[in-house]
């Protein structure tokens, strides 16, 4: 017969039945003390291993400022309807 610690691969503590809330019907309960290498779940892992800014030049860096967009060419015009009711309901079907 093998011992409990060899079956589970780690230390096993036999707790008294009163501590576990078990009545007199039971001969005791097993409580496994250690777990073998618990892993983090996805979000906890990504938060722990995310890249962090450590250099002052990187921490204090401002966002990039881009030049304004050039004006649209004359064959393209931006039309904003003043009222949603004046806009056409649906474009006409394509002629085949």
N, C-alpha and C. Protein backbone atom coordinates (compact mmCIF):
# COMPACT_ATOMS: atom_id res chain seq x y z
N UNK A 1 0.84 -1.18 0.00
CA UNK A 1 0.00 0.00 0.00
C UNK A 1 0.89 1.25 0.00
N UNK A 2 0.57 2.23 -0.83
CA UNK A 2 1.39 3.44 -0.92
C UNK A 2 0.82 4.52 -0.01
N UNK A 3 1.67 5.47 0.33
CA UNK A 3 1.23 6.54 1.21
C UNK A 3 0.47 7.60 0.40
N UNK A 4 -0.25 8.44 1.10
CA UNK A 4 -1.03 9.49 0.44
C UNK A 4 -0.14 10.51 -0.25
N UNK A 5 1.00 10.85 0.38
CA UNK A 5 1.85 11.85 -0.23
C UNK A 5 2.47 11.35 -1.53
N UNK A 6 2.72 10.05 -1.64
CA UNK A 6 3.25 9.54 -2.90
C UNK A 6 2.17 9.47 -3.97
N UNK A 7 0.91 9.29 -3.57
CA UNK A 7 -0.17 9.25 -4.56
C UNK A 7 -0.42 10.62 -5.17
N UNK A 8 -0.41 11.68 -4.33
CA UNK A 8 -0.71 13.03 -4.81
C UNK A 8 0.52 13.78 -5.25
N UNK A 9 1.69 13.36 -4.89
CA UNK A 9 2.92 14.02 -5.30
C UNK A 9 3.27 15.24 -4.48
N UNK A 10 2.54 15.49 -3.40
CA UNK A 10 2.86 16.61 -2.53
C UNK A 10 2.32 16.30 -1.14
N UNK A 11 2.55 17.20 -0.22
CA UNK A 11 2.12 16.95 1.15
C UNK A 11 0.61 16.96 1.27
N UNK A 12 0.07 16.05 2.09
CA UNK A 12 -1.36 15.96 2.33
C UNK A 12 -1.58 16.06 3.82
N UNK A 13 -2.52 16.88 4.23
CA UNK A 13 -2.80 17.08 5.64
C UNK A 13 -4.15 16.46 5.95
N UNK A 14 -4.20 15.67 6.98
CA UNK A 14 -5.46 15.11 7.44
C UNK A 14 -6.05 16.07 8.45
N UNK A 15 -7.17 16.71 8.12
CA UNK A 15 -7.80 17.67 9.01
C UNK A 15 -8.78 16.93 9.91
N UNK A 16 -8.96 17.39 11.13
CA UNK A 16 -9.96 16.75 11.99
C UNK A 16 -11.35 16.98 11.44
N UNK A 17 -12.27 16.04 11.63
CA UNK A 17 -13.62 16.17 11.07
C UNK A 17 -14.36 17.41 11.58
N UNK A 18 -14.09 17.84 12.81
CA UNK A 18 -14.78 19.01 13.35
C UNK A 18 -14.38 20.28 12.59
N UNK A 19 -13.14 20.34 12.14
CA UNK A 19 -12.66 21.53 11.43
C UNK A 19 -13.29 21.65 10.06
N UNK A 20 -13.64 20.53 9.46
CA UNK A 20 -14.23 20.55 8.12
C UNK A 20 -15.75 20.64 8.15
N UNK A 21 -16.34 20.59 9.33
CA UNK A 21 -17.79 20.64 9.43
C UNK A 21 -18.43 19.31 9.08
N UNK A 22 -17.68 18.25 9.18
CA UNK A 22 -18.19 16.92 8.86
C UNK A 22 -18.63 16.27 10.16
N UNK A 23 -19.75 15.62 10.12
CA UNK A 23 -20.28 14.97 11.32
C UNK A 23 -19.48 13.74 11.71
N UNK A 24 -20.02 12.95 12.64
CA UNK A 24 -19.32 11.77 13.14
C UNK A 24 -19.38 10.61 12.16
N UNK A 25 -20.14 10.75 11.06
CA UNK A 25 -20.25 9.66 10.10
C UNK A 25 -18.98 9.47 9.31
N UNK A 26 -18.13 10.49 9.23
CA UNK A 26 -16.95 10.42 8.39
C UNK A 26 -15.72 10.11 9.23
N UNK A 27 -14.74 9.51 8.62
CA UNK A 27 -13.50 9.19 9.31
C UNK A 27 -12.44 10.26 9.08
N UNK A 28 -12.77 11.37 8.48
CA UNK A 28 -11.82 12.45 8.25
C UNK A 28 -11.84 12.88 6.81
N UNK A 29 -11.24 14.02 6.53
CA UNK A 29 -11.22 14.53 5.17
C UNK A 29 -9.80 14.82 4.74
N UNK A 30 -9.57 14.85 3.45
CA UNK A 30 -8.26 15.16 2.91
C UNK A 30 -8.25 16.59 2.43
N UNK A 31 -7.19 17.30 2.73
CA UNK A 31 -6.98 18.65 2.23
C UNK A 31 -5.62 18.68 1.56
N UNK A 32 -5.59 18.97 0.27
CA UNK A 32 -4.33 19.04 -0.45
C UNK A 32 -3.72 20.41 -0.20
N UNK A 33 -2.50 20.43 0.30
CA UNK A 33 -1.87 21.66 0.72
C UNK A 33 -1.32 22.44 -0.46
N UNK A 34 -0.67 21.78 -1.42
CA UNK A 34 -0.05 22.51 -2.51
C UNK A 34 -0.70 22.13 -3.84
N UNK A 35 -0.63 23.03 -4.77
CA UNK A 35 -1.06 22.69 -6.12
C UNK A 35 0.17 22.77 -7.00
N UNK A 36 0.19 21.98 -8.03
CA UNK A 36 1.40 21.92 -8.85
C UNK A 36 1.34 22.99 -9.93
N UNK A 37 2.11 24.04 -9.76
CA UNK A 37 2.30 25.11 -10.72
C UNK A 37 1.00 25.71 -11.26
N UNK A 38 0.27 26.44 -10.44
CA UNK A 38 -0.94 27.08 -10.95
C UNK A 38 -0.59 28.12 -12.00
N UNK A 39 -1.42 28.26 -13.01
CA UNK A 39 -1.16 29.18 -14.11
C UNK A 39 -2.12 30.36 -14.04
N UNK A 40 -1.66 31.51 -14.56
CA UNK A 40 -2.52 32.68 -14.63
C UNK A 40 -3.51 32.52 -15.78
N UNK A 41 -4.68 33.12 -15.63
CA UNK A 41 -5.62 33.14 -16.73
C UNK A 41 -5.17 34.19 -17.74
N UNK A 42 -5.83 34.27 -18.87
CA UNK A 42 -5.35 35.05 -20.00
C UNK A 42 -5.12 36.52 -19.67
N UNK A 43 -6.12 37.21 -19.14
CA UNK A 43 -5.97 38.65 -18.90
C UNK A 43 -4.93 38.92 -17.83
N UNK A 44 -4.90 38.11 -16.78
CA UNK A 44 -3.90 38.29 -15.73
C UNK A 44 -2.49 38.08 -16.28
N UNK A 45 -2.34 37.11 -17.16
CA UNK A 45 -1.03 36.87 -17.77
C UNK A 45 -0.60 38.05 -18.64
N UNK A 46 -1.53 38.57 -19.46
CA UNK A 46 -1.17 39.68 -20.34
C UNK A 46 -0.86 40.95 -19.54
N UNK A 47 -1.57 41.15 -18.43
CA UNK A 47 -1.27 42.32 -17.60
C UNK A 47 0.09 42.18 -16.93
N UNK A 48 0.46 40.95 -16.55
CA UNK A 48 1.74 40.75 -15.89
C UNK A 48 2.91 40.86 -16.86
N UNK A 49 2.73 40.41 -18.10
CA UNK A 49 3.84 40.36 -19.05
C UNK A 49 3.78 41.45 -20.11
N UNK A 50 2.94 42.48 -19.91
CA UNK A 50 2.84 43.52 -20.92
C UNK A 50 4.11 44.36 -20.94
N UNK A 51 4.46 44.94 -22.09
CA UNK A 51 5.65 45.78 -22.15
C UNK A 51 5.41 47.09 -21.40
N UNK A 52 6.39 47.48 -20.62
CA UNK A 52 6.27 48.70 -19.84
C UNK A 52 7.32 49.72 -20.28
N UNK A 53 6.93 50.99 -20.27
CA UNK A 53 7.87 52.05 -20.62
C UNK A 53 8.73 52.33 -19.39
N UNK A 54 10.04 52.19 -19.54
CA UNK A 54 10.94 52.42 -18.41
C UNK A 54 11.84 53.61 -18.62
N UNK A 55 12.06 54.01 -19.85
CA UNK A 55 12.97 55.11 -20.13
C UNK A 55 12.23 56.44 -20.07
N UNK A 56 12.83 57.47 -19.47
CA UNK A 56 12.15 58.78 -19.40
C UNK A 56 11.81 59.35 -20.76
N UNK A 57 12.67 59.17 -21.75
CA UNK A 57 12.38 59.71 -23.08
C UNK A 57 11.15 59.05 -23.68
N UNK A 58 10.88 57.81 -23.31
CA UNK A 58 9.73 57.11 -23.86
C UNK A 58 8.46 57.45 -23.06
N UNK A 59 8.62 57.62 -21.75
CA UNK A 59 7.46 57.93 -20.91
C UNK A 59 6.94 59.32 -21.24
N UNK A 60 7.85 60.28 -21.47
CA UNK A 60 7.45 61.67 -21.69
C UNK A 60 7.19 62.00 -23.15
N UNK A 61 7.19 61.00 -24.01
CA UNK A 61 7.03 61.25 -25.44
C UNK A 61 5.60 61.68 -25.75
N UNK A 62 5.47 62.70 -26.57
CA UNK A 62 4.16 63.22 -26.97
C UNK A 62 3.69 62.51 -28.24
N UNK A 63 2.39 62.55 -28.52
CA UNK A 63 1.90 61.92 -29.76
C UNK A 63 2.42 62.64 -31.00
N UNK A 64 2.50 61.93 -32.09
CA UNK A 64 3.00 62.47 -33.35
C UNK A 64 2.03 63.51 -33.90
N UNK A 65 2.57 64.62 -34.37
CA UNK A 65 1.76 65.67 -34.99
C UNK A 65 1.94 65.56 -36.50
N UNK A 66 0.84 65.31 -37.21
CA UNK A 66 0.88 65.16 -38.66
C UNK A 66 0.43 66.45 -39.33
N UNK A 67 0.85 66.63 -40.59
CA UNK A 67 0.39 67.76 -41.38
C UNK A 67 -1.09 67.57 -41.68
N UNK A 68 -1.83 68.69 -41.87
CA UNK A 68 -3.25 68.55 -42.22
C UNK A 68 -3.42 67.88 -43.58
N UNK A 69 -4.54 67.24 -43.76
CA UNK A 69 -4.83 66.55 -45.01
C UNK A 69 -4.99 67.56 -46.14
N UNK A 70 -4.56 67.23 -47.34
CA UNK A 70 -4.74 68.16 -48.46
C UNK A 70 -6.22 68.26 -48.82
N UNK A 71 -6.61 69.36 -49.50
CA UNK A 71 -8.02 69.51 -49.86
C UNK A 71 -8.44 68.44 -50.88
N UNK A 72 -9.73 68.15 -50.90
CA UNK A 72 -10.25 67.15 -51.84
C UNK A 72 -10.14 67.67 -53.27
N UNK A 73 -9.94 66.78 -54.23
CA UNK A 73 -9.93 67.23 -55.63
C UNK A 73 -11.31 67.74 -56.03
N UNK A 74 -11.39 68.55 -57.09
CA UNK A 74 -12.69 69.17 -57.45
C UNK A 74 -13.75 68.16 -57.88
N UNK A 75 -13.38 66.99 -58.37
CA UNK A 75 -14.41 66.04 -58.78
C UNK A 75 -15.00 65.29 -57.59
N UNK A 76 -14.48 65.48 -56.41
CA UNK A 76 -15.04 64.90 -55.19
C UNK A 76 -15.55 66.04 -54.33
N UNK A 77 -16.80 65.97 -53.93
CA UNK A 77 -17.35 66.98 -53.03
C UNK A 77 -18.04 66.28 -51.88
N UNK A 78 -17.91 66.83 -50.73
CA UNK A 78 -18.53 66.28 -49.54
C UNK A 78 -19.89 66.95 -49.37
N UNK A 79 -20.95 66.14 -49.38
CA UNK A 79 -22.30 66.66 -49.25
C UNK A 79 -22.86 66.19 -47.91
N UNK A 80 -23.25 67.14 -47.07
CA UNK A 80 -23.89 66.82 -45.80
C UNK A 80 -25.31 67.32 -45.87
N UNK A 81 -26.30 66.42 -45.82
CA UNK A 81 -27.69 66.89 -45.89
C UNK A 81 -28.04 67.68 -44.63
N UNK A 82 -28.78 68.77 -44.82
CA UNK A 82 -29.17 69.61 -43.70
C UNK A 82 -30.20 68.91 -42.83
N UNK A 83 -31.05 68.10 -43.46
CA UNK A 83 -32.11 67.40 -42.73
C UNK A 83 -32.12 65.96 -43.21
N UNK A 84 -32.33 65.03 -42.32
CA UNK A 84 -32.33 63.61 -42.69
C UNK A 84 -33.51 63.28 -43.60
N UNK A 85 -34.62 64.06 -43.51
CA UNK A 85 -35.79 63.77 -44.36
C UNK A 85 -35.54 64.20 -45.80
N UNK A 86 -34.60 65.13 -46.05
CA UNK A 86 -34.35 65.57 -47.41
C UNK A 86 -33.40 64.61 -48.14
N UNK A 87 -32.77 63.71 -47.41
CA UNK A 87 -31.87 62.75 -48.04
C UNK A 87 -32.69 61.66 -48.73
N UNK A 88 -32.23 61.15 -49.87
CA UNK A 88 -32.97 60.09 -50.54
C UNK A 88 -33.00 58.82 -49.67
N UNK A 89 -34.12 58.10 -49.77
CA UNK A 89 -34.30 56.90 -48.94
C UNK A 89 -33.34 55.81 -49.35
N UNK A 90 -33.25 55.56 -50.65
CA UNK A 90 -32.35 54.50 -51.14
C UNK A 90 -31.85 54.92 -52.51
N UNK A 91 -30.63 54.53 -52.84
CA UNK A 91 -30.12 54.85 -54.19
C UNK A 91 -30.90 54.06 -55.23
N UNK A 92 -31.00 54.58 -56.45
CA UNK A 92 -31.72 53.86 -57.49
C UNK A 92 -30.99 52.56 -57.84
N UNK A 93 -31.75 51.53 -58.22
CA UNK A 93 -31.10 50.25 -58.58
C UNK A 93 -30.25 50.42 -59.83
N UNK A 94 -29.15 49.67 -59.92
CA UNK A 94 -28.31 49.79 -61.12
C UNK A 94 -29.03 49.22 -62.33
N UNK A 95 -28.85 49.89 -63.45
CA UNK A 95 -29.47 49.41 -64.68
C UNK A 95 -28.56 48.33 -65.31
N UNK A 96 -29.21 47.25 -65.69
CA UNK A 96 -28.43 46.13 -66.21
C UNK A 96 -28.38 46.08 -67.71
